[in-house]
Amino acid sequence: MSARTRTLGRLARCVAVTLLAAACGGPAPTVAPVEAPAIAPAPAAPATAAPVVEPTLFTLPANESPAVAIRLLFRSGFADDPADAPGLTALAAQWMAEGGTRSLTAFDLKQKLYPWAARIGVDVEADMTVFTATVHRDHLAEFVPLLAEVVGSPRWEAAEFERLRRDAIDDIEKRLRSSDDENLGKRTLDQMLYPNHPYGHFAGGSVAGMKAATPDAVRAHAARVFGKARLTIGVAGGYPADLPERLKSALAGLPDGQGTTALPTAVAAPERVRIVEKDAPAVAISMGAAVAFNRTDPDFTALMVGVSAFGEHRQFHGRLMQRMREARGLNYGDYSYAEHFTQEPGGTFPAVNIARRQQTFTIWVRPVQPGDAVFALRLALHEYDALLKDGLTDAEVKTAAQFLEGYTQLWAKNPQRRLGMALDDAFYGTPDRLAKFRAGLAGLTAAQVNAALRKHLPPVERLSIVLVAKDAAGLRDALISSKPSPKTYASEKPADLLAVDAVVAVRPFGLAPEAIRIVPVDQLF
């Protein structure tokens, strides 16, 4: 790509980001949550006419690719679920995406898309729902009205509703509660960090909520949250110049919908420790805290480097990975995250369009053997405490910065990801964030990174902790008593490692009995 092309691309993205950022209310304050985007006022209309509500158009520069990437991003998510009906947004979105259209049954819709090698998918997060599609430009004439029908004229067939509702219940009962202890711990942590808050429930809702859901309630909810007032139409790839306006026209029949509402502030001192009791072969551990920073913070580059040096997702250079897995063989992996993280399906990169108005810092300790659980928790807390008190070395910061300079280049591997990242930039008001992030790596020092970590990350005693375990009562007693938990090895270990182990094994938890809650797994979700 020539320098001129890159310049034009940046200019085009900046214009698009500026337009959407204006619609979103501009960049958030440095340490305040990103609040709900607001729709820019429509042009003045006659006094007797209702204001015109239109979606926002967002485009990346067209290229020579035969593929066209489309993202219909609604500033709606499970945070919009009614308090007494969690999961309604996700159920509505799935019913729209999979349930057929006014003119096509669900089966006919799949048959129509198959010869085009096209798929219409949907992902629901806390503050975003995005319908995604990639299609060859030769099929756009037929595909655009079809996509518009999926979103604007769903079939709302009762049989499909029942199928998808059953799928949602099975996802909770047969996956989350039964066979996915790691995500069970993460979703339980959400509940702990956000009590009485829209972020506190599972995107898929609850078993009771899904059983109580009705087709009428889902359709009414969809009309509120999937309207033009919250829609951004994103386009990238080798699209014709008129495609954005064609999509806008095709979606003109969407309801106006309702604007987004403000979020309550996350609770400052949530539940400390929760043990989920279930017949689990190993102990999964998650911990974290709600934080006041986000990508708009001037320290975010330093924070991202520091958290990567501590525990980059599925990479080996982090302290946690080196000291828990590599040196001690405790588990498969140990990671930390400066913001809410969801892994891209089928890969290791962070998913796009999971941007949030409020953020969390989390640590993920993958399952450990029950006999090692107390020691592993102690070690993770010991390492986190040392990170804040003693900091990272120059070599650790340099390694993490060099890694991220190259790794983040891979995040823009295809038009869908590039478009998704640009839409996230618009949400936060941080145009060309990754390019600026990489530029900010040059000259970054350990002193700067350590200062940012100490300033923004919560102290160890503010971390909420979830453990998924079989012997919940025994684990609770061990945490309350702070009884030593020495680690034994099948082979000889270095003296310096054993010296650290001796300190870790007696590290006090300082937990009162009332700070630990045991919850049977069937009482969750």
Protein backbone atom coordinates (compact mmCIF):
# COMPACT_ATOMS: atom_id res chain seq x y z
CA MET A 1 0.00 0.00 0.00
CA SER A 2 1.42 3.43 -0.98
CA ALA A 3 1.94 6.27 1.49
CA ARG A 4 -0.73 8.26 -0.35
CA THR A 5 -3.24 5.41 -0.05
CA ARG A 6 -2.49 5.08 3.65
CA THR A 7 -2.94 8.82 4.09
CA LEU A 8 -6.26 8.81 2.27
CA GLY A 9 -7.33 5.82 4.35
CA ARG A 10 -6.49 7.60 7.56
CA LEU A 11 -8.33 10.71 6.45
CA ALA A 12 -11.41 8.71 5.49
CA ARG A 13 -11.36 6.83 8.77
CA CYS A 14 -10.92 10.03 10.74
CA VAL A 15 -13.93 11.60 9.00
CA ALA A 16 -16.03 8.52 9.68
CA VAL A 17 -14.84 8.26 13.27
CA THR A 18 -15.50 11.95 13.85
CA LEU A 19 -19.05 11.57 12.59
CA LEU A 20 -19.77 8.56 14.77
CA ALA A 21 -17.98 10.01 17.78
CA ALA A 22 -20.22 13.03 17.47
CA ALA A 23 -23.21 10.73 17.45
CA CYS A 24 -21.78 9.00 20.53
CA GLY A 25 -21.28 12.18 22.50
CA GLY A 26 -17.52 12.51 21.92
CA PRO A 27 -14.61 10.99 23.87
CA ALA A 28 -15.26 10.05 27.48
CA PRO A 29 -13.47 11.86 30.31
CA THR A 30 -10.10 10.38 31.23
CA VAL A 31 -11.29 8.31 34.20
CA ALA A 32 -15.05 8.31 33.72
CA PRO A 33 -17.01 5.45 32.13
CA VAL A 34 -17.86 5.89 28.47
CA GLU A 35 -21.50 6.91 28.55
CA ALA A 36 -24.22 5.99 26.13
CA PRO A 37 -23.88 7.52 22.66
CA ALA A 38 -26.45 10.12 21.77
CA ILE A 39 -27.94 10.58 18.32
CA ALA A 40 -27.12 13.88 16.71
CA PRO A 41 -30.20 16.09 16.25
CA ALA A 42 -31.91 15.74 12.90
CA PRO A 43 -32.06 18.78 10.61
CA ALA A 44 -34.78 21.26 11.50
CA ALA A 45 -38.21 20.06 10.39
CA PRO A 46 -41.59 21.74 10.21
CA ALA A 47 -43.21 22.11 13.61
CA THR A 48 -45.87 19.56 12.72
CA ALA A 49 -43.41 16.90 11.52
CA ALA A 50 -41.74 14.33 13.77
CA PRO A 51 -37.93 14.44 13.89
CA VAL A 52 -36.31 12.23 11.27
CA VAL A 53 -34.30 9.40 12.81
CA GLU A 54 -31.65 7.88 10.57
CA PRO A 55 -28.84 5.41 11.13
CA THR A 56 -25.22 6.50 11.05
CA LEU A 57 -23.11 5.48 8.04
CA PHE A 58 -19.52 4.37 8.64
CA THR A 59 -17.17 3.29 5.87
CA LEU A 60 -13.56 2.32 5.43
CA PRO A 61 -12.00 3.17 2.05
CA ALA A 62 -13.05 0.71 -0.65
CA ASN A 63 -10.35 -1.54 -2.07
CA GLU A 64 -9.97 -4.09 -4.86
CA SER A 65 -11.07 -7.09 -2.81
CA PRO A 66 -14.02 -9.05 -4.23
CA ALA A 67 -15.34 -9.50 -0.68
CA VAL A 68 -17.55 -6.94 1.03
CA ALA A 69 -17.74 -6.78 4.84
CA ILE A 70 -20.90 -5.38 6.44
CA ARG A 71 -21.50 -4.77 10.13
CA LEU A 72 -24.86 -3.52 11.36
CA LEU A 73 -23.95 -2.32 14.84
CA PHE A 74 -26.71 -1.45 17.28
CA ARG A 75 -25.70 0.43 20.42
CA SER A 76 -27.76 -2.10 22.33
CA GLY A 77 -26.83 -5.16 24.32
CA PHE A 78 -27.66 -7.28 27.30
CA ALA A 79 -27.34 -4.16 29.45
CA ASP A 80 -30.72 -3.24 27.90
CA ASP A 81 -32.40 -6.41 29.16
CA PRO A 82 -35.30 -5.76 31.54
CA ALA A 83 -34.25 -6.54 35.11
CA ASP A 84 -36.90 -9.26 35.33
CA ALA A 85 -36.17 -10.72 31.88
CA PRO A 86 -32.42 -11.24 31.41
CA GLY A 87 -31.43 -12.63 28.03
CA LEU A 88 -34.17 -10.91 26.03
CA THR A 89 -31.74 -8.98 23.79
CA ALA A 90 -29.75 -12.07 22.85
CA LEU A 91 -32.88 -14.13 22.24
CA ALA A 92 -34.35 -11.40 20.01
CA ALA A 93 -31.11 -11.06 18.04
CA GLN A 94 -30.81 -14.82 17.47
CA TRP A 95 -34.45 -15.06 16.42
CA MET A 96 -33.87 -12.32 13.88
CA ALA A 97 -30.61 -13.76 12.53
CA GLU A 98 -31.66 -17.42 12.36
CA GLY A 99 -35.45 -17.45 12.26
CA GLY A 100 -36.10 -16.51 8.66
CA THR A 101 -37.63 -13.45 7.07
CA ARG A 102 -41.04 -12.27 5.95
CA SER A 103 -40.54 -14.08 2.64
CA LEU A 104 -38.22 -16.95 3.65
CA THR A 105 -38.39 -19.68 6.27
CA ALA A 106 -35.29 -20.33 8.39
CA PHE A 107 -34.42 -23.27 6.12
CA ASP A 108 -35.00 -21.25 2.95
CA LEU A 109 -32.78 -18.48 4.30
CA LYS A 110 -29.88 -20.89 4.75
CA GLN A 111 -30.45 -22.33 1.29
CA LYS A 112 -30.42 -18.84 -0.21
CA LEU A 113 -27.13 -17.90 1.45
CA TYR A 114 -25.33 -21.18 0.77
CA PRO A 115 -24.43 -20.75 -2.93
CA TRP A 116 -23.12 -17.26 -2.16
CA ALA A 117 -20.81 -18.65 0.56
CA ALA A 118 -22.38 -15.99 2.77
CA ARG A 119 -23.51 -16.09 6.38
CA ILE A 120 -25.37 -13.62 8.55
CA GLY A 121 -24.14 -13.85 12.12
CA VAL A 122 -24.93 -11.94 15.29
CA ASP A 123 -23.03 -11.26 18.51
CA VAL A 124 -24.50 -9.69 21.62
CA GLU A 125 -22.36 -7.93 24.20
CA ALA A 126 -23.16 -5.59 27.10
CA ASP A 127 -23.42 -2.39 25.04
CA MET A 128 -23.27 -3.62 21.45
CA THR A 129 -25.15 -6.03 19.21
CA VAL A 130 -23.66 -6.52 15.77
CA PHE A 131 -25.08 -8.36 12.76
CA THR A 132 -22.17 -9.36 10.54
CA ALA A 133 -22.03 -10.45 6.92
CA THR A 134 -19.33 -11.03 4.33
CA VAL A 135 -20.44 -11.53 0.74
CA HIS A 136 -18.92 -11.42 -2.73
CA ARG A 137 -19.67 -8.10 -4.37
CA ASP A 138 -21.27 -9.89 -7.34
CA HIS A 139 -24.15 -10.96 -5.06
CA LEU A 140 -24.83 -7.58 -3.44
CA ALA A 141 -27.91 -6.84 -5.56
CA GLU A 142 -29.71 -9.85 -4.05
CA PHE A 143 -27.97 -9.84 -0.67
CA VAL A 144 -28.75 -6.28 0.46
CA PRO A 145 -32.57 -6.67 0.46
CA LEU A 146 -32.16 -10.08 2.09
CA LEU A 147 -30.05 -8.64 4.92
CA ALA A 148 -32.54 -5.82 5.32
CA GLU A 149 -35.35 -8.39 5.70
CA VAL A 150 -33.40 -10.34 8.31
CA VAL A 151 -33.01 -7.24 10.48
CA GLY A 152 -36.07 -5.25 9.47
CA SER A 153 -38.72 -7.89 8.66
CA PRO A 154 -38.00 -11.04 10.66
CA ARG A 155 -40.37 -13.93 10.27
CA TRP A 156 -40.96 -14.21 14.04
CA GLU A 157 -42.08 -17.81 13.61
CA ALA A 158 -43.25 -19.48 16.82
CA ALA A 159 -41.46 -22.77 16.12
CA GLU A 160 -38.14 -20.97 15.71
CA PHE A 161 -38.75 -19.05 18.93
CA GLU A 162 -39.26 -22.29 20.83
CA ARG A 163 -36.14 -23.83 19.29
CA LEU A 164 -33.94 -20.85 20.15
CA ARG A 165 -35.37 -20.51 23.63
CA ARG A 166 -34.64 -24.19 24.26
CA ASP A 167 -31.11 -23.67 22.92
CA ALA A 168 -30.61 -20.79 25.35
CA ILE A 169 -31.75 -22.89 28.30
CA ASP A 170 -29.54 -25.80 27.20
CA ASP A 171 -26.58 -23.43 26.90
CA ILE A 172 -26.93 -22.57 30.58
CA GLU A 173 -27.81 -26.01 31.91
CA LYS A 174 -25.66 -28.23 29.69
CA ARG A 175 -22.66 -26.01 28.96
CA LEU A 176 -22.20 -23.15 31.41
CA ARG A 177 -23.26 -24.95 34.57
CA SER A 178 -22.16 -28.42 33.51
CA SER A 179 -19.04 -28.47 31.34
CA ASP A 180 -17.49 -25.00 31.06
CA ASP A 181 -16.06 -24.24 34.51
CA GLU A 182 -13.74 -21.51 33.24
CA ASN A 183 -16.53 -19.41 31.74
CA LEU A 184 -18.76 -20.28 34.68
CA GLY A 185 -16.19 -18.60 36.91
CA LYS A 186 -15.92 -15.57 34.63
CA ARG A 187 -19.67 -15.04 34.40
CA THR A 188 -20.00 -15.48 38.17
CA LEU A 189 -17.33 -12.82 38.60
CA ASP A 190 -19.48 -10.47 36.50
CA GLN A 191 -22.32 -11.00 38.96
CA MET A 192 -20.04 -10.17 41.86
CA LEU A 193 -18.51 -7.06 40.33
CA TYR A 194 -21.84 -5.66 39.11
CA PRO A 195 -24.59 -6.42 41.63
CA ASN A 196 -27.87 -4.67 40.80
CA HIS A 197 -26.26 -3.42 37.60
CA PRO A 198 -27.06 -4.23 33.93
CA TYR A 199 -23.60 -5.75 33.43
CA GLY A 200 -24.17 -8.24 36.23
CA HIS A 201 -26.18 -10.85 34.39
CA PHE A 202 -25.22 -13.39 31.76
CA ALA A 203 -25.84 -12.36 28.14
CA GLY A 204 -27.86 -15.53 27.64
CA GLY A 205 -30.06 -14.68 30.60
CA SER A 206 -31.19 -17.21 33.16
CA VAL A 207 -33.13 -20.46 33.03
CA ALA A 208 -36.09 -18.85 34.76
CA GLY A 209 -35.94 -15.81 32.51
CA MET A 210 -35.84 -17.88 29.34
CA LYS A 211 -38.73 -20.08 30.50
CA ALA A 212 -40.80 -16.97 31.20
CA ALA A 213 -39.98 -15.25 27.89
CA THR A 214 -42.83 -14.86 25.41
CA PRO A 215 -42.77 -14.11 21.68
CA ASP A 216 -44.68 -10.87 22.23
CA ALA A 217 -42.20 -9.68 24.86
CA VAL A 218 -39.23 -10.46 22.62
CA ARG A 219 -40.73 -8.70 19.59
CA ALA A 220 -41.57 -5.61 21.66
CA HIS A 221 -38.07 -5.55 23.11
CA ALA A 222 -36.52 -5.83 19.64
CA ALA A 223 -38.53 -2.80 18.47
CA ARG A 224 -37.10 -0.78 21.36
CA VAL A 225 -33.43 -1.70 21.08
CA PHE A 226 -32.95 -2.55 17.38
CA GLY A 227 -34.18 0.69 15.86
CA LYS A 228 -32.56 3.32 13.67
CA ALA A 229 -31.80 5.51 16.67
CA ARG A 230 -29.07 3.08 17.73
CA LEU A 231 -27.87 1.77 14.37
CA THR A 232 -24.54 2.31 12.65
CA ILE A 233 -24.13 0.76 9.20
CA GLY A 234 -20.50 -0.20 8.66
CA VAL A 235 -19.02 -1.18 5.29
CA ALA A 236 -15.51 -2.25 4.23
CA GLY A 237 -13.80 -4.25 1.47
CA GLY A 238 -14.40 -3.99 -2.27
CA TYR A 239 -17.81 -2.36 -2.14
CA PRO A 240 -19.38 -0.09 -4.80
CA ALA A 241 -19.69 3.59 -3.94
CA ASP A 242 -23.46 3.50 -3.64
CA LEU A 243 -23.61 0.55 -1.20
CA PRO A 244 -23.81 2.55 2.08
CA GLU A 245 -26.79 4.56 0.84
CA ARG A 246 -28.41 1.41 -0.55
CA LEU A 247 -28.15 -0.24 2.85
CA LYS A 248 -29.50 2.87 4.55
CA SER A 249 -32.47 2.95 2.18
CA ALA A 250 -33.13 -0.78 2.56
CA LEU A 251 -33.22 -0.37 6.36
CA ALA A 252 -35.42 2.71 6.33
CA GLY A 253 -38.37 0.62 7.49
CA LEU A 254 -36.80 -0.17 10.84
CA PRO A 255 -38.62 1.32 13.84
CA ASP A 256 -37.05 4.46 15.26
CA GLY A 257 -36.43 2.66 18.54
CA GLN A 258 -35.43 4.23 21.82
CA GLY A 259 -32.22 6.02 22.76
CA THR A 260 -29.76 4.46 25.18
CA THR A 261 -29.95 5.05 28.91
CA ALA A 262 -27.22 5.91 31.39
CA LEU A 263 -25.58 3.19 33.47
CA PRO A 264 -25.41 3.23 37.25
CA THR A 265 -21.93 3.39 38.75
CA ALA A 266 -20.42 0.02 39.62
CA VAL A 267 -20.41 -0.82 43.33
CA ALA A 268 -17.10 0.18 44.95
CA ALA A 269 -16.87 -2.73 47.43
CA PRO A 270 -18.59 -5.82 45.98
CA GLU A 271 -18.63 -9.38 47.27
CA ARG A 272 -15.11 -10.58 48.15
CA VAL A 273 -15.00 -14.37 47.56
CA ARG A 274 -17.55 -16.74 46.08
CA ILE A 275 -17.06 -20.49 45.81
CA VAL A 276 -19.28 -22.14 43.21
CA GLU A 277 -19.97 -25.66 44.44
CA LYS A 278 -20.19 -28.32 41.74
CA ASP A 279 -18.78 -31.72 40.92
CA ALA A 280 -15.71 -30.32 39.19
CA PRO A 281 -12.52 -32.35 38.61
CA ALA A 282 -10.32 -29.23 38.99
CA VAL A 283 -10.61 -25.74 40.49
CA ALA A 284 -11.12 -22.80 38.11
CA ILE A 285 -10.16 -19.37 39.44
CA SER A 286 -11.08 -15.88 38.22
CA MET A 287 -10.56 -12.57 39.98
CA GLY A 288 -10.85 -8.89 39.19
CA ALA A 289 -12.35 -5.50 39.93
CA ALA A 290 -14.33 -2.78 38.19
CA VAL A 291 -12.03 0.08 37.18
CA ALA A 292 -12.49 3.73 36.26
CA PHE A 293 -10.17 3.85 33.24
CA ASN A 294 -10.74 2.92 29.60
CA ARG A 295 -9.02 3.36 26.25
CA THR A 296 -9.34 7.12 26.37
CA ASP A 297 -6.98 7.36 29.33
CA PRO A 298 -3.52 8.78 28.48
CA ASP A 299 -1.99 5.96 30.53
CA PHE A 300 -3.74 3.19 28.60
CA THR A 301 -0.73 2.34 26.41
CA ALA A 302 1.43 1.93 29.50
CA LEU A 303 -1.30 -0.12 31.20
CA MET A 304 -1.68 -2.39 28.17
CA VAL A 305 2.06 -3.06 28.11
CA GLY A 306 2.18 -3.65 31.86
CA VAL A 307 -0.73 -6.06 31.87
CA SER A 308 0.74 -7.88 28.86
CA ALA A 309 4.05 -8.28 30.71
CA PHE A 310 2.10 -9.66 33.66
CA GLY A 311 -0.08 -12.09 31.67
CA GLU A 312 -0.85 -11.72 27.95
CA HIS A 313 -3.74 -13.90 26.78
CA ARG A 314 -2.48 -17.31 25.61
CA GLN A 315 1.12 -16.10 25.31
CA PHE A 316 4.22 -17.17 27.20
CA HIS A 317 6.13 -13.99 28.02
CA GLY A 318 3.93 -12.94 30.96
CA ARG A 319 5.05 -13.35 34.57
CA LEU A 320 2.00 -15.36 35.53
CA MET A 321 2.50 -17.84 32.70
CA GLN A 322 6.21 -18.18 33.40
CA ARG A 323 5.92 -18.61 37.14
CA MET A 324 2.70 -20.59 37.46
CA ARG A 325 2.74 -22.86 34.40
CA GLU A 326 6.32 -22.98 33.16
CA ALA A 327 8.22 -23.01 36.45
CA ARG A 328 5.71 -24.92 38.58
CA GLY A 329 3.43 -26.81 36.18
CA LEU A 330 0.31 -25.74 38.06
CA ASN A 331 -2.04 -25.48 35.08
CA TYR A 332 -2.38 -24.76 31.38
CA GLY A 333 -2.29 -20.97 31.44
CA ASP A 334 -2.54 -17.77 33.48
CA TYR A 335 -3.46 -14.38 32.05
CA SER A 336 -4.51 -10.83 32.90
CA TYR A 337 -6.60 -8.22 31.07
CA ALA A 338 -6.67 -4.42 31.25
CA GLU A 339 -10.25 -4.34 29.92
CA HIS A 340 -13.15 -6.69 29.32
CA PHE A 341 -11.90 -9.50 27.11
CA THR A 342 -13.63 -12.04 24.90
CA GLN A 343 -11.57 -14.29 22.66
CA GLU A 344 -12.36 -14.12 18.96
CA PRO A 345 -14.11 -17.36 17.93
CA GLY A 346 -11.62 -19.71 16.33
CA GLY A 347 -8.57 -17.65 17.29
CA THR A 348 -6.65 -16.05 20.14
CA PHE A 349 -7.14 -12.36 19.34
CA PRO A 350 -9.48 -10.13 21.33
CA ALA A 351 -12.94 -10.01 19.77
CA VAL A 352 -14.07 -6.73 18.22
CA ASN A 353 -17.26 -4.82 19.04
CA ILE A 354 -17.26 -5.77 22.69
CA ALA A 355 -16.64 -2.15 23.73
CA ARG A 356 -18.15 -1.15 27.08
CA ARG A 357 -19.03 2.06 28.85
CA GLN A 358 -17.55 0.67 32.07
CA GLN A 359 -14.56 -1.62 32.33
CA THR A 360 -12.99 -4.34 34.45
CA PHE A 361 -9.47 -5.55 35.20
CA THR A 362 -9.33 -9.34 35.52
CA ILE A 363 -6.94 -12.22 36.15
CA TRP A 364 -7.69 -15.70 34.82
CA VAL A 365 -6.07 -18.71 36.49
CA ARG A 366 -6.99 -21.77 34.46
CA PRO A 367 -8.08 -24.89 36.36
CA VAL A 368 -5.64 -26.42 38.85
CA GLN A 369 -5.74 -29.69 40.73
CA PRO A 370 -7.80 -29.43 43.94
CA GLY A 371 -4.75 -30.10 46.10
CA ASP A 372 -2.93 -27.15 44.49
CA ALA A 373 -5.87 -24.69 44.51
CA VAL A 374 -5.00 -22.82 47.72
CA PHE A 375 -1.32 -22.57 46.80
CA ALA A 376 -2.17 -21.42 43.24
CA LEU A 377 -4.48 -18.71 44.53
CA ARG A 378 -1.83 -17.58 46.99
CA LEU A 379 0.80 -17.49 44.25
CA ALA A 380 -1.40 -15.45 41.89
CA LEU A 381 -2.13 -12.93 44.66
CA HIS A 382 1.55 -12.86 45.63
CA GLU A 383 2.61 -12.11 42.06
CA TYR A 384 -0.06 -9.43 41.64
CA ASP A 385 0.95 -7.76 44.91
CA ALA A 386 4.59 -7.81 43.79
CA LEU A 387 3.63 -6.32 40.43
CA LEU A 388 2.13 -3.28 42.13
CA LYS A 389 4.73 -2.89 44.87
CA ASP A 390 7.97 -3.84 43.11
CA GLY A 391 7.01 -3.23 39.49
CA LEU A 392 8.28 -4.66 36.22
CA THR A 393 11.86 -4.63 35.05
CA ASP A 394 13.13 -2.76 31.99
CA ALA A 395 13.64 -6.10 30.25
CA GLU A 396 10.05 -7.22 30.91
CA VAL A 397 8.64 -3.94 29.59
CA LYS A 398 10.85 -4.09 26.50
CA THR A 399 9.80 -7.68 25.76
CA ALA A 400 6.10 -6.91 26.13
CA ALA A 401 6.36 -3.74 24.02
CA GLN A 402 8.20 -5.56 21.22
CA PHE A 403 5.66 -8.35 21.30
CA LEU A 404 2.67 -6.00 21.15
CA GLU A 405 4.19 -3.92 18.33
CA GLY A 406 4.05 -6.99 16.10
CA TYR A 407 1.10 -8.84 17.59
CA THR A 408 -1.34 -5.97 17.21
CA GLN A 409 -0.54 -5.86 13.49
CA LEU A 410 -2.26 -9.25 13.22
CA TRP A 411 -5.45 -7.92 14.80
CA ALA A 412 -6.31 -6.21 11.50
CA LYS A 413 -6.02 -9.41 9.49
CA ASN A 414 -9.23 -9.04 7.46
CA PRO A 415 -11.85 -6.42 6.49
CA GLN A 416 -14.33 -7.57 9.16
CA ARG A 417 -11.81 -7.07 11.96
CA ARG A 418 -10.57 -3.76 10.57
CA LEU A 419 -14.13 -2.51 10.31
CA GLY A 420 -14.96 -3.76 13.80
CA MET A 421 -11.91 -2.08 15.31
CA ALA A 422 -12.71 1.19 13.56
CA LEU A 423 -16.26 1.06 14.95
CA ASP A 424 -14.82 0.49 18.41
CA ASP A 425 -12.54 3.49 17.91
CA ALA A 426 -15.60 5.54 17.06
CA PHE A 427 -17.42 4.32 20.17
CA TYR A 428 -14.58 5.47 22.41
CA GLY A 429 -13.56 8.48 20.35
CA THR A 430 -10.04 7.08 19.78
CA PRO A 431 -9.45 7.13 16.00
CA ASP A 432 -6.62 4.91 14.68
CA ARG A 433 -6.06 3.63 18.19
CA LEU A 434 -3.72 0.77 17.38
CA ALA A 435 -1.50 2.88 15.13
CA LYS A 436 -1.21 5.47 17.88
CA PHE A 437 -0.67 2.73 20.43
CA ARG A 438 2.24 1.31 18.45
CA ALA A 439 3.73 4.78 18.06
CA GLY A 440 3.47 5.24 21.81
CA LEU A 441 5.54 2.13 22.49
CA ALA A 442 8.72 3.85 21.37
CA GLY A 443 10.65 5.06 24.38
CA LEU A 444 8.16 3.70 26.92
CA THR A 445 10.03 3.03 30.16
CA ALA A 446 9.50 0.65 33.05
CA ALA A 447 9.11 3.67 35.33
CA GLN A 448 6.19 4.95 33.24
CA VAL A 449 4.54 1.53 33.09
CA ASN A 450 4.93 0.87 36.81
CA ALA A 451 3.54 4.32 37.66
CA ALA A 452 0.46 3.63 35.51
CA LEU A 453 -0.07 0.20 37.09
CA ARG A 454 0.10 1.60 40.62
CA LYS A 455 -2.15 4.51 39.75
CA HIS A 456 -4.94 2.63 38.01
CA LEU A 457 -5.01 -1.03 39.09
CA PRO A 458 -6.81 -1.98 42.31
CA PRO A 459 -4.84 -3.17 45.36
CA VAL A 460 -4.89 -6.89 46.02
CA GLU A 461 -7.45 -6.59 48.80
CA ARG A 462 -9.96 -5.06 46.36
CA LEU A 463 -9.98 -8.04 44.02
CA SER A 464 -13.12 -10.14 44.00
CA ILE A 465 -12.37 -13.87 43.66
CA VAL A 466 -14.36 -16.79 42.23
CA LEU A 467 -13.40 -20.44 42.68
CA VAL A 468 -15.35 -23.28 41.04
CA ALA A 469 -14.75 -26.36 43.20
CA LYS A 470 -16.17 -29.64 44.41
CA ASP A 471 -15.17 -29.39 48.09
CA ALA A 472 -16.49 -25.89 48.66
CA ALA A 473 -16.67 -26.20 52.46
CA GLY A 474 -13.11 -27.51 52.72
CA LEU A 475 -11.84 -24.76 50.45
CA ARG A 476 -13.67 -22.11 52.47
CA ASP A 477 -12.15 -23.42 55.71
CA ALA A 478 -8.66 -23.35 54.18
CA LEU A 479 -9.10 -19.73 53.08
CA ILE A 480 -10.45 -18.62 56.47
CA SER A 481 -7.79 -20.42 58.51
CA SER A 482 -4.89 -19.47 56.23
CA LYS A 483 -3.39 -22.84 57.08
CA PRO A 484 -0.09 -23.34 55.19
CA SER A 485 -0.42 -24.92 51.75
CA PRO A 486 3.06 -26.17 50.79
CA LYS A 487 3.62 -27.18 47.20
CA THR A 488 5.38 -30.46 46.44
CA TYR A 489 7.05 -31.44 43.16
CA ALA A 490 7.89 -34.72 41.45
CA SER A 491 11.32 -33.40 40.41
CA GLU A 492 13.97 -31.19 41.91
CA LYS A 493 13.38 -27.42 41.77
CA PRO A 494 15.85 -24.50 42.10
CA ALA A 495 16.52 -23.21 45.58
CA ASP A 496 15.31 -19.70 44.77
CA LEU A 497 11.94 -21.06 43.56
CA LEU A 498 11.54 -23.13 46.73
CA ALA A 499 12.35 -20.08 48.81
CA VAL A 500 9.51 -18.17 47.14
CA ASP A 501 7.21 -21.17 47.64
CA ALA A 502 7.92 -21.12 51.36
CA VAL A 503 6.76 -17.50 51.54
CA VAL A 504 3.73 -18.09 49.33
CA ALA A 505 2.59 -21.18 51.24
CA VAL A 506 1.97 -19.16 54.41
CA ARG A 507 0.69 -15.96 52.81
CA PRO A 508 -2.37 -14.94 54.88
CA PHE A 509 -5.66 -14.35 53.09
CA GLY A 510 -7.08 -12.15 55.84
CA LEU A 511 -10.63 -13.29 55.11
CA ALA A 512 -13.40 -13.31 57.68
CA PRO A 513 -16.01 -16.10 57.41
CA GLU A 514 -18.64 -13.64 56.21
CA ALA A 515 -16.39 -12.60 53.31
CA ILE A 516 -16.77 -16.02 51.67
CA ARG A 517 -20.01 -17.20 50.13
CA ILE A 518 -20.73 -20.72 48.85
CA VAL A 519 -23.28 -20.97 46.02
CA PRO A 520 -24.45 -24.31 44.57
CA VAL A 521 -24.09 -24.23 40.80
CA ASP A 522 -27.78 -24.88 40.16
CA GLN A 523 -28.62 -21.60 41.90
CA LEU A 524 -26.67 -19.61 39.30
CA PHE A 525 -28.26 -18.28 36.13
